[in-house]
N, C-alpha and C. Protein backbone atom coordinates (compact mmCIF):
# COMPACT_ATOMS: atom_id res chain seq x y z
N MET A 1 0.85 -1.21 -0.03
CA MET A 1 -0.04 0.13 0.13
C MET A 1 0.77 1.21 -0.14
N GLU A 2 0.36 2.06 -0.92
CA GLU A 2 1.44 3.29 -1.02
C GLU A 2 1.09 4.19 0.08
N GLN A 3 1.89 5.06 0.56
CA GLN A 3 1.91 5.85 1.52
C GLN A 3 1.66 7.32 1.07
N PHE A 4 0.96 8.23 1.57
CA PHE A 4 0.59 9.53 0.96
C PHE A 4 1.60 10.57 1.91
N GLY A 5 1.85 11.39 1.34
CA GLY A 5 2.68 12.51 1.79
C GLY A 5 1.97 13.51 2.47
N ARG A 6 2.41 14.21 3.25
CA ARG A 6 1.55 15.47 4.03
C ARG A 6 0.86 16.03 3.04
N GLU A 7 1.59 16.51 1.93
CA GLU A 7 0.77 17.27 0.90
C GLU A 7 -0.45 16.71 0.42
N GLU A 8 -0.57 15.32 0.05
CA GLU A 8 -1.38 14.70 -0.46
C GLU A 8 -2.53 14.31 0.75
N LEU A 9 -2.06 14.07 1.79
CA LEU A 9 -2.95 14.08 3.05
C LEU A 9 -3.81 15.29 3.38
N GLY A 10 -3.16 16.12 3.22
CA GLY A 10 -3.88 17.64 3.27
C GLY A 10 -4.97 18.13 2.32
N LEU A 11 -4.45 17.43 0.99
CA LEU A 11 -5.32 17.62 0.03
C LEU A 11 -6.60 16.82 0.21
N LEU A 12 -6.60 15.57 0.51
CA LEU A 12 -7.55 14.63 0.66
C LEU A 12 -8.42 15.12 1.91
N GLU A 13 -7.80 15.78 2.83
CA GLU A 13 -8.54 16.20 3.89
C GLU A 13 -9.66 17.39 3.41
N ARG A 14 -8.93 18.31 2.82
CA ARG A 14 -9.61 19.31 2.25
C ARG A 14 -10.74 19.06 1.38
N LEU A 15 -10.37 17.88 0.34
CA LEU A 15 -11.59 17.46 -0.51
C LEU A 15 -12.46 16.73 0.18
N ALA A 16 -12.24 16.19 1.37
CA ALA A 16 -13.30 15.49 2.12
C ALA A 16 -14.24 16.41 2.72
N ARG A 17 -13.53 17.72 3.50
CA ARG A 17 -14.39 18.73 3.92
C ARG A 17 -15.30 19.33 3.12
N ALA A 18 -14.64 19.66 1.82
CA ALA A 18 -15.53 20.29 0.66
C ALA A 18 -16.77 19.34 0.35
N THR A 19 -16.58 18.01 0.17
CA THR A 19 -17.65 16.97 -0.32
C THR A 19 -18.55 17.44 0.75
N GLU A 20 -18.03 17.37 2.34
CA GLU A 20 -19.28 17.33 3.17
C GLU A 20 -20.17 18.76 3.13
N ARG A 21 -19.34 19.60 2.86
CA ARG A 21 -19.96 21.11 2.90
C ARG A 21 -20.89 21.09 1.80
N ASN A 22 -20.53 20.54 0.58
CA ASN A 22 -21.28 20.13 -0.86
C ASN A 22 -22.79 19.49 -0.61
N ALA A 23 -22.44 18.41 0.43
CA ALA A 23 -23.72 17.63 0.90
C ALA A 23 -24.60 18.27 1.56
N ASP A 24 -24.12 19.12 2.55
CA ASP A 24 -24.91 19.92 3.46
C ASP A 24 -25.65 21.07 2.78
N ALA A 25 -25.02 21.68 1.75
CA ALA A 25 -25.47 22.54 0.99
C ALA A 25 -26.64 22.04 0.00
N SER A 26 -26.59 20.95 -0.50
CA SER A 26 -27.44 20.14 -1.27
C SER A 26 -28.41 19.96 -0.32
N GLU A 27 -28.67 19.30 0.63
CA GLU A 27 -29.68 19.07 1.78
C GLU A 27 -30.46 20.32 1.83
N ASN A 28 -29.74 21.43 2.09
CA ASN A 28 -30.58 22.86 2.48
C ASN A 28 -31.17 23.25 1.12
N LEU A 29 -30.66 22.94 -0.05
CA LEU A 29 -31.45 23.44 -1.17
C LEU A 29 -32.63 22.53 -1.37
N ILE A 30 -32.67 21.29 -0.84
CA ILE A 30 -33.65 20.75 -1.07
C ILE A 30 -34.85 21.04 -0.30
N LYS A 31 -34.51 21.27 1.07
CA LYS A 31 -35.39 21.75 2.15
C LYS A 31 -36.23 22.92 1.67
N LEU A 32 -35.31 23.91 1.27
CA LEU A 32 -35.83 25.14 0.61
C LEU A 32 -36.91 24.97 -0.54
N ALA A 33 -36.35 24.31 -1.35
CA ALA A 33 -37.36 23.85 -2.60
C ALA A 33 -38.74 23.31 -2.08
N GLU A 34 -38.54 22.18 -1.03
CA GLU A 34 -39.75 21.90 -0.42
C GLU A 34 -40.60 22.82 0.24
N GLU A 35 -40.22 23.87 0.77
CA GLU A 35 -40.61 24.79 1.61
C GLU A 35 -41.51 25.72 0.46
N GLU A 36 -40.55 26.10 -0.59
CA GLU A 36 -41.09 26.98 -1.52
C GLU A 36 -42.28 26.54 -2.27
N ARG A 37 -42.27 25.27 -2.41
CA ARG A 37 -43.61 24.53 -2.90
C ARG A 37 -44.87 24.59 -2.30
N ASN A 38 -44.70 25.01 -0.66
CA ASN A 38 -45.82 24.76 -0.09
C ASN A 38 -46.33 26.49 0.05
N VAL A 39 -45.75 27.39 -0.33
CA VAL A 39 -45.87 28.90 -0.20
C VAL A 39 -47.22 28.98 -1.16
N GLN A 40 -48.21 30.01 -0.61
CA GLN A 40 -49.23 30.00 -1.22
C GLN A 40 -49.22 31.57 -1.56
N ILE A 41 -49.32 31.91 -2.90
CA ILE A 41 -49.13 33.48 -3.28
C ILE A 41 -50.60 33.73 -3.62
N GLU A 42 -50.84 35.08 -2.96
CA GLU A 42 -52.46 35.38 -3.00
C GLU A 42 -52.42 36.28 -4.12
N ALA A 43 -53.44 36.04 -5.02
CA ALA A 43 -53.83 36.88 -5.89
C ALA A 43 -53.75 38.50 -5.70
N PRO A 44 -53.54 39.10 -6.68
CA PRO A 44 -53.68 40.62 -6.53
C PRO A 44 -55.03 41.12 -6.62
N PRO A 45 -55.06 42.28 -5.93
CA PRO A 45 -56.64 42.66 -5.81
C PRO A 45 -57.32 42.98 -7.10
N PRO A 46 -58.45 42.86 -7.02
CA PRO A 46 -59.19 43.21 -8.72
C PRO A 46 -58.84 45.05 -8.75
N PHE A 47 -58.51 45.01 -9.94
CA PHE A 47 -58.15 46.55 -10.22
C PHE A 47 -58.61 46.80 -11.71
N CYS A 48 -58.86 48.07 -11.96
CA CYS A 48 -59.26 48.52 -13.32
C CYS A 48 -57.89 48.63 -14.15
N PRO A 49 -57.78 47.96 -15.22
CA PRO A 49 -56.67 48.31 -15.91
C PRO A 49 -56.30 49.43 -16.63
N SER A 50 -57.33 50.28 -16.82
CA SER A 50 -57.36 51.42 -17.17
C SER A 50 -57.02 52.69 -16.39
N CYS A 51 -57.92 52.88 -15.24
CA CYS A 51 -57.50 54.02 -14.26
C CYS A 51 -56.79 53.50 -12.83
N SER A 52 -56.58 52.01 -12.93
CA SER A 52 -55.92 51.42 -11.82
C SER A 52 -56.61 51.47 -10.62
N ARG A 53 -57.77 51.88 -10.58
CA ARG A 53 -58.70 51.90 -9.42
C ARG A 53 -58.98 50.41 -8.80
N ILE A 54 -58.47 50.33 -7.47
CA ILE A 54 -58.62 49.03 -6.86
C ILE A 54 -60.10 48.98 -6.43
N ASP A 55 -60.72 47.46 -6.72
CA ASP A 55 -61.77 47.05 -6.68
C ASP A 55 -62.98 48.16 -6.98
N PRO A 56 -62.94 48.58 -8.40
CA PRO A 56 -63.85 49.59 -8.86
C PRO A 56 -65.37 49.08 -8.82
N VAL A 57 -66.43 49.89 -8.78
CA VAL A 57 -67.50 49.88 -9.19
C VAL A 57 -67.60 49.25 -10.72
N ILE A 58 -68.24 48.25 -10.95
CA ILE A 58 -68.45 48.07 -12.38
C ILE A 58 -69.79 47.84 -12.80
N ASN A 59 -70.15 47.68 -13.92
CA ASN A 59 -71.44 47.23 -14.67
C ASN A 59 -71.08 46.13 -15.32
N MET A 60 -72.06 45.16 -15.49
CA MET A 60 -71.86 43.81 -16.34
C MET A 60 -73.21 43.39 -16.77
N GLU A 61 -73.47 43.73 -17.96
CA GLU A 61 -74.81 42.94 -18.54
C GLU A 61 -74.42 42.10 -19.51
N GLN A 62 -74.23 40.65 -19.42
CA GLN A 62 -74.10 39.96 -20.23
C GLN A 62 -74.43 38.50 -19.55
N SER A 63 -74.89 37.57 -20.69
CA SER A 63 -74.99 36.33 -20.23
C SER A 63 -74.30 35.16 -21.23
N GLY A 64 -74.07 34.03 -20.86
CA GLY A 64 -73.32 33.33 -21.85
C GLY A 64 -73.33 31.75 -21.16
N GLU A 65 -72.54 31.06 -21.70
CA GLU A 65 -72.59 29.57 -21.39
C GLU A 65 -71.07 29.03 -21.48
N GLY A 66 -70.87 28.31 -20.80
CA GLY A 66 -69.26 27.62 -20.91
C GLY A 66 -69.02 27.14 -19.43
N THR A 67 -67.81 26.64 -19.35
CA THR A 67 -67.28 25.88 -18.19
C THR A 67 -67.04 27.08 -17.40
N LEU A 68 -67.09 26.79 -15.88
CA LEU A 68 -66.76 27.78 -14.98
C LEU A 68 -65.37 27.98 -14.96
N SER A 69 -64.52 27.08 -15.56
CA SER A 69 -63.11 27.55 -15.30
C SER A 69 -62.73 28.38 -16.59
N ASP A 70 -63.54 28.50 -17.54
CA ASP A 70 -63.31 29.80 -18.74
C ASP A 70 -64.09 30.83 -18.62
N PHE A 71 -64.73 31.10 -17.49
CA PHE A 71 -65.61 32.24 -16.97
C PHE A 71 -64.80 33.40 -17.27
N VAL A 72 -65.24 34.48 -17.93
CA VAL A 72 -64.68 35.81 -18.29
C VAL A 72 -65.71 36.77 -18.19
N MET A 73 -65.40 37.93 -17.53
CA MET A 73 -66.52 38.88 -17.34
C MET A 73 -65.97 40.07 -18.25
N ARG A 74 -67.08 40.58 -18.89
CA ARG A 74 -66.79 41.97 -19.75
C ARG A 74 -67.53 42.95 -19.06
N VAL A 75 -66.87 43.92 -18.50
CA VAL A 75 -67.25 44.74 -17.50
C VAL A 75 -67.05 46.36 -18.04
N LEU A 76 -67.75 47.20 -17.15
CA LEU A 76 -67.56 48.66 -17.45
C LEU A 76 -67.28 49.05 -16.22
N CYS A 77 -66.07 49.90 -16.10
CA CYS A 77 -65.52 50.49 -14.89
C CYS A 77 -66.38 51.89 -14.84
N LYS A 78 -67.14 52.11 -13.68
CA LYS A 78 -67.88 53.10 -13.39
C LYS A 78 -67.01 54.18 -13.07
N ALA A 79 -65.76 54.16 -12.68
CA ALA A 79 -64.89 55.17 -12.34
C ALA A 79 -64.33 55.69 -13.60
N CYS A 80 -63.90 55.14 -14.57
CA CYS A 80 -63.40 55.84 -15.79
C CYS A 80 -64.20 55.59 -16.88
N ASN A 81 -65.28 54.86 -16.96
CA ASN A 81 -66.16 54.57 -18.04
C ASN A 81 -65.34 53.83 -19.20
N THR A 82 -64.77 52.87 -18.73
CA THR A 82 -63.70 52.04 -19.72
C THR A 82 -63.99 50.47 -19.52
N GLU A 83 -64.48 50.02 -20.88
CA GLU A 83 -64.63 48.68 -20.75
C GLU A 83 -63.53 47.69 -20.90
N PHE A 84 -63.35 46.69 -19.87
CA PHE A 84 -62.23 45.77 -19.92
C PHE A 84 -62.72 44.34 -19.44
N PHE A 85 -61.73 43.37 -19.56
CA PHE A 85 -62.26 42.16 -19.19
C PHE A 85 -61.71 41.63 -17.81
N ALA A 86 -62.29 41.00 -17.28
CA ALA A 86 -62.02 40.29 -15.88
C ALA A 86 -61.93 38.98 -15.81
N ILE A 87 -60.91 38.31 -15.47
CA ILE A 87 -60.70 36.87 -15.41
C ILE A 87 -60.59 36.45 -14.15
N PRO A 88 -61.51 35.84 -13.30
CA PRO A 88 -61.38 35.25 -11.91
C PRO A 88 -60.37 34.21 -11.90
N GLU A 89 -59.26 34.25 -10.88
CA GLU A 89 -58.45 33.42 -10.65
C GLU A 89 -58.62 32.28 -9.77
N ASN A 90 -59.48 32.70 -8.59
CA ASN A 90 -59.63 31.98 -7.29
C ASN A 90 -61.05 31.75 -7.31
N TRP A 91 -61.45 30.48 -7.06
CA TRP A 91 -62.92 30.48 -7.23
C TRP A 91 -63.28 29.91 -5.48
N VAL A 92 -64.50 30.63 -5.00
CA VAL A 92 -65.10 30.08 -4.05
C VAL A 92 -66.57 29.81 -4.30
N CYS A 93 -66.79 28.43 -4.20
CA CYS A 93 -68.15 28.21 -4.71
C CYS A 93 -69.16 27.73 -3.40
N VAL A 94 -70.21 28.23 -3.27
CA VAL A 94 -71.16 28.18 -2.00
C VAL A 94 -72.46 27.88 -2.62
N MET A 95 -73.30 27.52 -1.62
CA MET A 95 -74.78 26.97 -1.93
C MET A 95 -75.79 27.96 -1.77
N SER A 96 -75.63 29.11 -0.82
CA SER A 96 -76.77 29.97 -0.52
C SER A 96 -76.22 31.32 -0.48
N PRO A 97 -77.28 32.52 -0.63
CA PRO A 97 -76.86 33.77 -0.68
C PRO A 97 -76.35 34.18 0.95
N VAL A 98 -76.69 33.35 1.72
CA VAL A 98 -76.17 33.63 3.14
C VAL A 98 -74.44 33.14 3.28
N ASP A 99 -74.35 32.05 2.22
CA ASP A 99 -72.90 31.68 2.41
C ASP A 99 -72.04 32.77 1.72
N VAL A 100 -72.67 33.25 0.56
CA VAL A 100 -71.85 34.24 -0.27
C VAL A 100 -71.76 35.60 0.73
N ARG A 101 -72.64 36.01 1.38
CA ARG A 101 -72.35 37.15 1.93
C ARG A 101 -71.30 36.84 3.35
N THR A 102 -71.54 35.69 3.70
CA THR A 102 -70.54 35.32 4.96
C THR A 102 -68.99 35.21 4.18
N VAL A 103 -68.72 34.72 3.08
CA VAL A 103 -67.52 34.49 2.48
C VAL A 103 -66.94 36.09 2.05
N LEU A 104 -67.88 36.86 1.53
CA LEU A 104 -67.41 38.44 1.29
C LEU A 104 -66.95 39.16 2.51
N SER A 105 -67.81 38.87 3.62
CA SER A 105 -67.74 39.77 4.75
C SER A 105 -66.36 39.19 5.42
N GLU A 106 -66.09 37.74 5.13
CA GLU A 106 -64.71 37.50 5.85
C GLU A 106 -63.39 37.95 5.07
N LYS A 107 -63.53 38.06 3.84
CA LYS A 107 -62.56 38.80 3.05
C LYS A 107 -62.57 40.12 2.86
N GLY A 108 -63.44 40.87 3.67
CA GLY A 108 -63.30 42.34 3.60
C GLY A 108 -64.19 43.18 2.66
N GLY A 109 -64.97 42.39 1.74
CA GLY A 109 -65.78 43.05 0.56
C GLY A 109 -67.20 43.15 1.02
N GLU A 110 -68.06 43.03 0.29
CA GLU A 110 -69.42 43.09 0.07
C GLU A 110 -69.98 44.43 -0.18
N ASN A 111 -69.31 45.58 0.57
CA ASN A 111 -69.55 46.94 0.06
C ASN A 111 -71.06 47.26 0.02
N GLY A 112 -71.89 46.65 0.49
CA GLY A 112 -73.44 46.77 0.32
C GLY A 112 -73.98 46.54 -0.93
N SER A 113 -73.22 46.04 -2.13
CA SER A 113 -73.70 46.06 -3.42
C SER A 113 -73.79 44.77 -4.02
N VAL A 114 -73.77 43.78 -3.09
CA VAL A 114 -74.09 42.33 -3.61
C VAL A 114 -75.66 42.22 -3.94
N ASN A 115 -75.85 41.80 -5.26
CA ASN A 115 -77.07 41.49 -5.71
C ASN A 115 -77.25 40.21 -5.77
N ILE A 116 -78.15 39.48 -5.09
CA ILE A 116 -78.06 37.91 -5.09
C ILE A 116 -79.62 37.78 -5.11
N SER A 117 -80.14 36.91 -6.00
CA SER A 117 -81.27 36.73 -6.01
C SER A 117 -81.76 35.49 -5.12
């Protein structure tokens, strides 16, 4: 068996430490990636793309048919009188007008303008 000199042993020790650090760093990156996967990003508030008013009063006069996931609203912003399209990204589906009001009040909405038949 061949004997290593001091210089070779020093290099091997440094290599072993670097390998251990690399393994630790890889484990930390895996943990970070798993944590990021569990982060929920909230949707931005609804706003008019013309006047930038957040949660503007709108008018919507239309009907149509299609899947819920492809639902798009053509609306008129009452603040700037501009028509634009709104695409809901997050859905909360409930069974009654009472549930609608509860959900809206919990998220700080409703503003007294909910029109539910």
